[in-house]
């Protein structure tokens, strides 16, 4: 558990004070094009997590059938989820890769069933172009690539060809190697630069700019201290000109601060999401939808009264 004085706030491990960037003058992007619709980002949007894997860090094996996944998905939508993010391969630190065929087998039945019965867009959490193509053909509208296009050079072209939308996350290496790559001189600046390169690749391969959202990749190739540093300075990424998404749900930086296991990290998740919202983040990827919808509604009400 972290104690006062443990956090090297520049993320480098040297303990030097981090120079926070000035407040961005870039206006927030007001919408995200998903399919043939414009998702209004003047209000926060919640993405519910559905892991169809046996080994995810907090809920592996919890959804053993299409029926169980659909039941959970319907509940998330009732609770206020605007997007459902389904994954068939764990990307937790140290996770082993899953063959494309197995990943497709895990997710396609759910995507087809959800597309036929639910109104919200489906996102597929994958690093593989072949999986993304099959998912988009089956009815998914969004590809959530945690590698930021660094794993599969064909990913951006597939998304463009299939008319999908794209979430680009920051990560170095693979789930098996990313811990050792969490070395930065200036974590926020380097994450911004590397996200910018991923954005340029996506645009260069035909993905429409209005279809792209950026995710700083909290916990991916980042120590808990580095994750906290980024969360305290998210406004410094607004210069990239795209909407920001954060995925902080139940992650290890919360456990490092509080000493509690993943199942008990909801309060920490809500705190991190609220801090992110106050810095302009408008899309939140979480396991627990209803508590976040309520928390953000109260924050917005307080702000509106003050205005």
Protein backbone atom coordinates (compact mmCIF):
# COMPACT_ATOMS: atom_id res chain seq x y z
CA UNK A 1 0.00 0.00 0.00
CA UNK A 2 1.29 3.48 -0.83
CA UNK A 3 1.97 5.88 2.00
CA UNK A 4 2.67 9.57 1.99
CA UNK A 5 6.00 10.17 0.33
CA UNK A 6 5.96 6.96 -1.74
CA UNK A 7 4.82 8.54 -5.00
CA UNK A 8 7.41 9.87 -7.40
CA UNK A 9 5.04 12.30 -9.03
CA UNK A 10 6.96 12.63 -12.29
CA UNK A 11 6.50 8.88 -12.89
CA UNK A 12 10.22 8.34 -13.39
CA UNK A 13 10.98 6.94 -9.95
CA UNK A 14 13.38 9.78 -9.08
CA UNK A 15 10.93 11.70 -6.88
CA UNK A 16 11.30 15.00 -8.78
CA UNK A 17 8.25 17.23 -8.97
CA UNK A 18 6.20 16.76 -12.11
CA UNK A 19 5.72 19.92 -14.19
CA UNK A 20 2.01 19.79 -15.02
CA UNK A 21 1.20 21.20 -18.45
CA UNK A 22 -0.94 24.33 -18.66
CA UNK A 23 -4.70 24.02 -19.05
CA UNK A 24 -5.39 23.12 -22.66
CA UNK A 25 -6.99 25.71 -24.91
CA UNK A 26 -8.36 22.95 -27.15
CA UNK A 27 -12.16 22.86 -27.03
CA UNK A 28 -13.67 19.50 -26.05
CA UNK A 29 -14.86 17.43 -29.01
CA UNK A 30 -18.65 17.34 -28.87
CA UNK A 31 -19.35 14.00 -30.56
CA UNK A 32 -17.94 10.64 -31.61
CA UNK A 33 -19.12 9.01 -34.83
CA UNK A 34 -20.14 5.41 -34.15
CA UNK A 35 -21.60 3.59 -37.12
CA UNK A 36 -23.88 6.06 -38.88
CA UNK A 37 -24.69 7.92 -35.64
CA UNK A 38 -23.06 10.78 -33.76
CA UNK A 39 -22.69 9.95 -30.06
CA UNK A 40 -23.20 13.17 -28.11
CA UNK A 41 -20.26 13.76 -25.77
CA UNK A 42 -21.65 16.82 -24.04
CA UNK A 43 -22.71 14.27 -21.41
CA UNK A 44 -20.51 11.47 -20.02
CA UNK A 45 -20.81 8.05 -21.65
CA UNK A 46 -20.35 4.78 -19.77
CA UNK A 47 -18.88 1.66 -21.39
CA UNK A 48 -19.75 -1.56 -19.60
CA UNK A 49 -17.09 -4.30 -19.51
CA UNK A 50 -17.98 -7.86 -20.51
CA UNK A 51 -15.02 -10.23 -20.25
CA UNK A 52 -15.71 -13.56 -21.98
CA UNK A 53 -12.41 -14.95 -20.75
CA UNK A 54 -11.47 -17.45 -18.06
CA UNK A 55 -8.50 -15.41 -16.80
CA UNK A 56 -9.32 -11.69 -16.61
CA UNK A 57 -7.83 -10.07 -13.53
CA UNK A 58 -11.07 -9.32 -11.65
CA UNK A 59 -13.92 -11.32 -13.20
CA UNK A 60 -12.45 -14.15 -15.27
CA UNK A 61 -14.94 -16.93 -15.89
CA UNK A 62 -17.89 -14.97 -14.49
CA UNK A 63 -19.81 -15.17 -17.80
CA UNK A 64 -19.53 -18.81 -18.93
CA UNK A 65 -22.28 -18.73 -21.58
CA UNK A 66 -23.90 -16.44 -24.16
CA UNK A 67 -27.05 -16.41 -22.05
CA UNK A 68 -25.16 -15.28 -18.94
CA UNK A 69 -23.36 -12.57 -20.93
CA UNK A 70 -26.62 -11.31 -22.44
CA UNK A 71 -28.25 -11.18 -19.02
CA UNK A 72 -25.37 -9.12 -17.69
CA UNK A 73 -25.39 -6.92 -20.80
CA UNK A 74 -29.11 -6.18 -20.47
CA UNK A 75 -28.63 -5.24 -16.82
CA UNK A 76 -25.78 -2.88 -17.74
CA UNK A 77 -27.95 -1.18 -20.36
CA UNK A 78 -30.79 -0.82 -17.84
CA UNK A 79 -28.29 0.74 -15.43
CA UNK A 80 -27.26 3.32 -18.02
CA UNK A 81 -24.45 1.82 -20.13
CA UNK A 82 -24.12 3.61 -23.48
CA UNK A 83 -21.66 1.08 -24.95
CA UNK A 84 -20.79 -2.56 -24.21
CA UNK A 85 -17.16 -3.63 -24.55
CA UNK A 86 -16.68 -7.37 -25.07
CA UNK A 87 -13.32 -9.14 -24.96
CA UNK A 88 -12.15 -12.68 -25.58
CA UNK A 89 -8.50 -12.29 -24.58
CA UNK A 90 -7.20 -11.05 -21.26
CA UNK A 91 -4.69 -8.19 -21.51
CA UNK A 92 -3.86 -8.06 -17.81
CA UNK A 93 -0.13 -7.81 -17.05
CA UNK A 94 1.52 -11.18 -17.57
CA UNK A 95 -1.39 -12.69 -19.54
CA UNK A 96 -0.64 -15.26 -22.24
CA UNK A 97 -1.88 -14.64 -25.80
CA UNK A 98 -4.99 -16.40 -27.11
CA UNK A 99 -5.12 -17.77 -30.68
CA UNK A 100 -7.33 -15.70 -33.00
CA UNK A 101 -9.64 -18.66 -33.63
CA UNK A 102 -10.31 -19.10 -29.92
CA UNK A 103 -10.85 -15.38 -29.39
CA UNK A 104 -13.39 -15.34 -32.24
CA UNK A 105 -15.13 -18.43 -30.87
CA UNK A 106 -15.54 -16.75 -27.49
CA UNK A 107 -16.99 -13.43 -28.67
CA UNK A 108 -18.91 -13.87 -31.95
CA UNK A 109 -22.01 -15.63 -30.59
CA UNK A 110 -22.48 -12.87 -28.02
CA UNK A 111 -21.91 -10.06 -30.56
CA UNK A 112 -24.51 -11.55 -32.92
CA UNK A 113 -27.04 -12.06 -30.12
CA UNK A 114 -26.46 -8.63 -28.56
CA UNK A 115 -26.68 -6.90 -31.92
CA UNK A 116 -30.09 -8.46 -32.48
CA UNK A 117 -31.53 -7.60 -29.06
CA UNK A 118 -29.78 -4.51 -27.65
CA UNK A 119 -29.85 -0.93 -28.86
CA UNK A 120 -26.42 0.21 -27.65
CA UNK A 121 -23.29 -0.16 -29.81
CA UNK A 122 -20.96 -3.10 -29.20
CA UNK A 123 -17.21 -2.58 -28.90
CA UNK A 124 -14.75 -5.44 -29.35
CA UNK A 125 -11.65 -5.38 -27.18
CA UNK A 126 -8.97 -6.95 -29.40
CA UNK A 127 -5.47 -6.37 -30.73
CA UNK A 128 -5.92 -8.57 -33.80
CA UNK A 129 -7.15 -7.41 -37.21
CA UNK A 130 -8.69 -10.75 -38.11
CA UNK A 131 -10.72 -10.77 -34.90
CA UNK A 132 -11.75 -7.15 -35.43
CA UNK A 133 -12.97 -7.86 -38.97
CA UNK A 134 -15.09 -10.82 -37.88
CA UNK A 135 -16.53 -8.83 -34.97
CA UNK A 136 -17.40 -5.83 -37.15
CA UNK A 137 -19.02 -8.07 -39.73
CA UNK A 138 -21.05 -9.71 -36.94
CA UNK A 139 -22.42 -6.38 -35.72
CA UNK A 140 -19.82 -4.68 -33.53
CA UNK A 141 -19.36 -0.97 -34.25
CA UNK A 142 -16.18 -0.16 -32.34
CA UNK A 143 -12.72 -1.71 -32.04
CA UNK A 144 -10.93 -1.10 -28.74
CA UNK A 145 -7.26 -1.76 -29.51
CA UNK A 146 -5.28 -1.67 -26.26
CA UNK A 147 -2.04 -1.82 -28.24
CA UNK A 148 -2.72 1.47 -30.04
CA UNK A 149 -2.19 -0.27 -33.43
CA UNK A 150 1.25 -1.50 -32.39
CA UNK A 151 0.36 -5.20 -32.27
CA UNK A 152 -1.16 -5.79 -35.71
CA UNK A 153 -0.24 -3.50 -38.64
CA UNK A 154 -3.44 -4.48 -40.44
CA UNK A 155 -5.81 -3.25 -37.73
CA UNK A 156 -6.40 0.34 -38.88
CA UNK A 157 -7.06 -0.73 -42.47
CA UNK A 158 -9.64 -3.28 -41.31
CA UNK A 159 -11.44 -0.69 -39.18
CA UNK A 160 -11.49 1.75 -42.11
CA UNK A 161 -12.72 -0.85 -44.60
CA UNK A 162 -15.50 -2.06 -42.30
CA UNK A 163 -16.65 1.44 -41.34
CA UNK A 164 -15.83 0.93 -37.67
CA UNK A 165 -14.89 3.36 -34.95
CA UNK A 166 -11.64 3.03 -33.03
CA UNK A 167 -10.35 3.41 -29.50
CA UNK A 168 -6.58 3.80 -29.44
CA UNK A 169 -4.97 3.00 -26.10
CA UNK A 170 -1.42 3.64 -25.03
CA UNK A 171 0.63 0.56 -24.25
CA UNK A 172 4.21 -0.57 -24.73
CA UNK A 173 5.09 -4.14 -25.58
CA UNK A 174 2.63 -6.93 -24.83
CA UNK A 175 0.78 -8.02 -21.70
CA UNK A 176 3.69 -10.39 -21.02
CA UNK A 177 6.40 -7.70 -21.37
CA UNK A 178 4.79 -4.36 -20.56
CA UNK A 179 5.82 -4.25 -16.88
CA UNK A 180 9.50 -4.00 -17.81
CA UNK A 181 8.79 -1.20 -20.32
CA UNK A 182 7.29 1.19 -17.75
CA UNK A 183 10.32 3.50 -17.88
CA UNK A 184 9.75 7.19 -18.67
CA UNK A 185 11.58 10.47 -18.28
CA UNK A 186 8.30 12.38 -18.49
CA UNK A 187 5.36 9.98 -18.47
CA UNK A 188 2.62 12.37 -19.61
CA UNK A 189 4.66 13.85 -22.44
CA UNK A 190 5.79 10.44 -23.70
CA UNK A 191 2.30 8.94 -23.50
CA UNK A 192 0.95 11.91 -25.45
CA UNK A 193 3.64 11.59 -28.12
CA UNK A 194 3.08 7.86 -28.52
CA UNK A 195 -0.70 8.26 -28.67
CA UNK A 196 -0.18 10.96 -31.29
CA UNK A 197 1.82 8.54 -33.43
CA UNK A 198 -0.96 5.93 -33.15
CA UNK A 199 -3.48 8.59 -34.18
CA UNK A 200 -1.38 9.51 -37.21
CA UNK A 201 -1.19 5.86 -38.28
CA UNK A 202 -4.97 5.46 -38.02
CA UNK A 203 -5.62 8.61 -40.03
CA UNK A 204 -3.02 7.63 -42.63
CA UNK A 205 -4.74 4.28 -43.17
CA UNK A 206 -8.17 5.74 -43.72
CA UNK A 207 -9.93 5.84 -40.34
CA UNK A 208 -11.99 9.02 -40.10
CA UNK A 209 -10.78 11.41 -37.42
CA UNK A 210 -14.30 11.77 -36.04
CA UNK A 211 -14.36 7.99 -35.43
CA UNK A 212 -11.31 7.95 -33.11
CA UNK A 213 -11.13 8.15 -29.32
CA UNK A 214 -7.90 8.08 -27.30
CA UNK A 215 -7.19 6.21 -24.05
CA UNK A 216 -4.01 6.89 -21.99
CA UNK A 217 -3.90 3.20 -21.01
CA UNK A 218 -3.93 3.41 -17.23
CA UNK A 219 -2.03 0.41 -15.87
CA UNK A 220 -0.65 -0.65 -19.26
CA UNK A 221 3.16 -0.38 -19.20
CA UNK A 222 2.77 1.99 -16.26
CA UNK A 223 3.53 1.65 -12.58
CA UNK A 224 0.84 2.68 -10.07
CA UNK A 225 2.74 5.94 -9.52
CA UNK A 226 2.82 6.65 -13.25
CA UNK A 227 -0.90 5.88 -13.58
CA UNK A 228 -1.70 8.32 -10.76
CA UNK A 229 0.49 10.97 -12.38
CA UNK A 230 -1.42 10.67 -15.66
CA UNK A 231 -4.80 10.75 -13.92
CA UNK A 232 -3.78 13.98 -12.22
CA UNK A 233 -2.86 15.65 -15.50
CA UNK A 234 -5.30 14.36 -18.13
CA UNK A 235 -5.98 17.86 -19.37
CA UNK A 236 -2.46 17.77 -20.73
CA UNK A 237 -3.61 15.27 -23.40
CA UNK A 238 -6.38 17.45 -24.80
CA UNK A 239 -3.99 18.98 -27.32
CA UNK A 240 -4.34 15.75 -29.32
CA UNK A 241 -7.78 16.98 -30.33
CA UNK A 242 -9.74 13.76 -29.80
CA UNK A 243 -12.16 12.68 -27.06
CA UNK A 244 -10.57 10.88 -24.13
CA UNK A 245 -11.61 7.58 -22.57
CA UNK A 246 -10.29 6.21 -19.30
CA UNK A 247 -10.37 2.62 -18.11
CA UNK A 248 -9.56 2.60 -14.40
CA UNK A 249 -12.05 0.04 -13.13
CA UNK A 250 -10.66 -2.09 -10.26
CA UNK A 251 -7.08 -1.57 -11.47
CA UNK A 252 -3.91 -2.22 -9.54
CA UNK A 253 -3.08 1.43 -8.81
CA UNK A 254 -6.22 1.51 -6.65
CA UNK A 255 -5.05 -1.58 -4.81
CA UNK A 256 -1.61 -0.02 -4.35
CA UNK A 257 -3.16 3.04 -2.71
CA UNK A 258 -5.80 1.25 -0.63
CA UNK A 259 -4.49 -2.27 -0.09
CA UNK A 260 -7.81 -3.87 -1.14
CA UNK A 261 -8.41 -6.64 -3.73
CA UNK A 262 -10.10 -6.01 -7.11
CA UNK A 263 -13.61 -6.86 -5.91
CA UNK A 264 -13.41 -4.10 -3.27
CA UNK A 265 -12.11 -1.29 -5.51
CA UNK A 266 -15.39 0.34 -6.52
CA UNK A 267 -14.93 3.47 -4.33
CA UNK A 268 -11.45 4.01 -5.77
CA UNK A 269 -12.78 3.49 -9.28
CA UNK A 270 -15.47 6.12 -8.76
CA UNK A 271 -12.95 8.61 -7.35
CA UNK A 272 -10.64 8.19 -10.35
CA UNK A 273 -13.55 8.55 -12.80
CA UNK A 274 -14.81 11.73 -11.14
CA UNK A 275 -11.34 13.29 -11.21
CA UNK A 276 -11.10 12.34 -14.90
CA UNK A 277 -14.53 13.81 -15.69
CA UNK A 278 -13.53 17.12 -14.11
CA UNK A 279 -10.60 17.24 -16.55
CA UNK A 280 -12.74 16.74 -19.64
CA UNK A 281 -12.86 12.95 -20.02
CA UNK A 282 -16.26 11.90 -21.30
CA UNK A 283 -16.07 8.10 -21.83
CA UNK A 284 -15.54 5.69 -18.94
CA UNK A 285 -14.91 1.95 -19.23
CA UNK A 286 -16.08 0.20 -16.04
CA UNK A 287 -17.35 -3.08 -14.62
CA UNK A 288 -19.88 -1.41 -12.29
CA UNK A 289 -22.21 0.77 -14.35
CA UNK A 290 -24.96 1.94 -11.98
CA UNK A 291 -22.68 3.41 -9.27
CA UNK A 292 -20.72 5.44 -11.83
CA UNK A 293 -23.86 6.72 -13.56
CA UNK A 294 -25.09 7.95 -10.17
CA UNK A 295 -21.74 9.49 -9.18
CA UNK A 296 -21.41 11.40 -12.45
CA UNK A 297 -25.04 12.59 -12.26
CA UNK A 298 -24.36 14.13 -8.84
CA UNK A 299 -21.12 15.77 -10.00
CA UNK A 300 -22.88 17.25 -13.02
CA UNK A 301 -25.74 18.53 -10.86
CA UNK A 302 -23.29 20.27 -8.50
CA UNK A 303 -21.48 21.88 -11.42
CA UNK A 304 -24.72 23.03 -13.06
CA UNK A 305 -25.97 24.62 -9.83
CA UNK A 306 -22.66 26.44 -9.47
CA UNK A 307 -22.92 27.77 -13.00
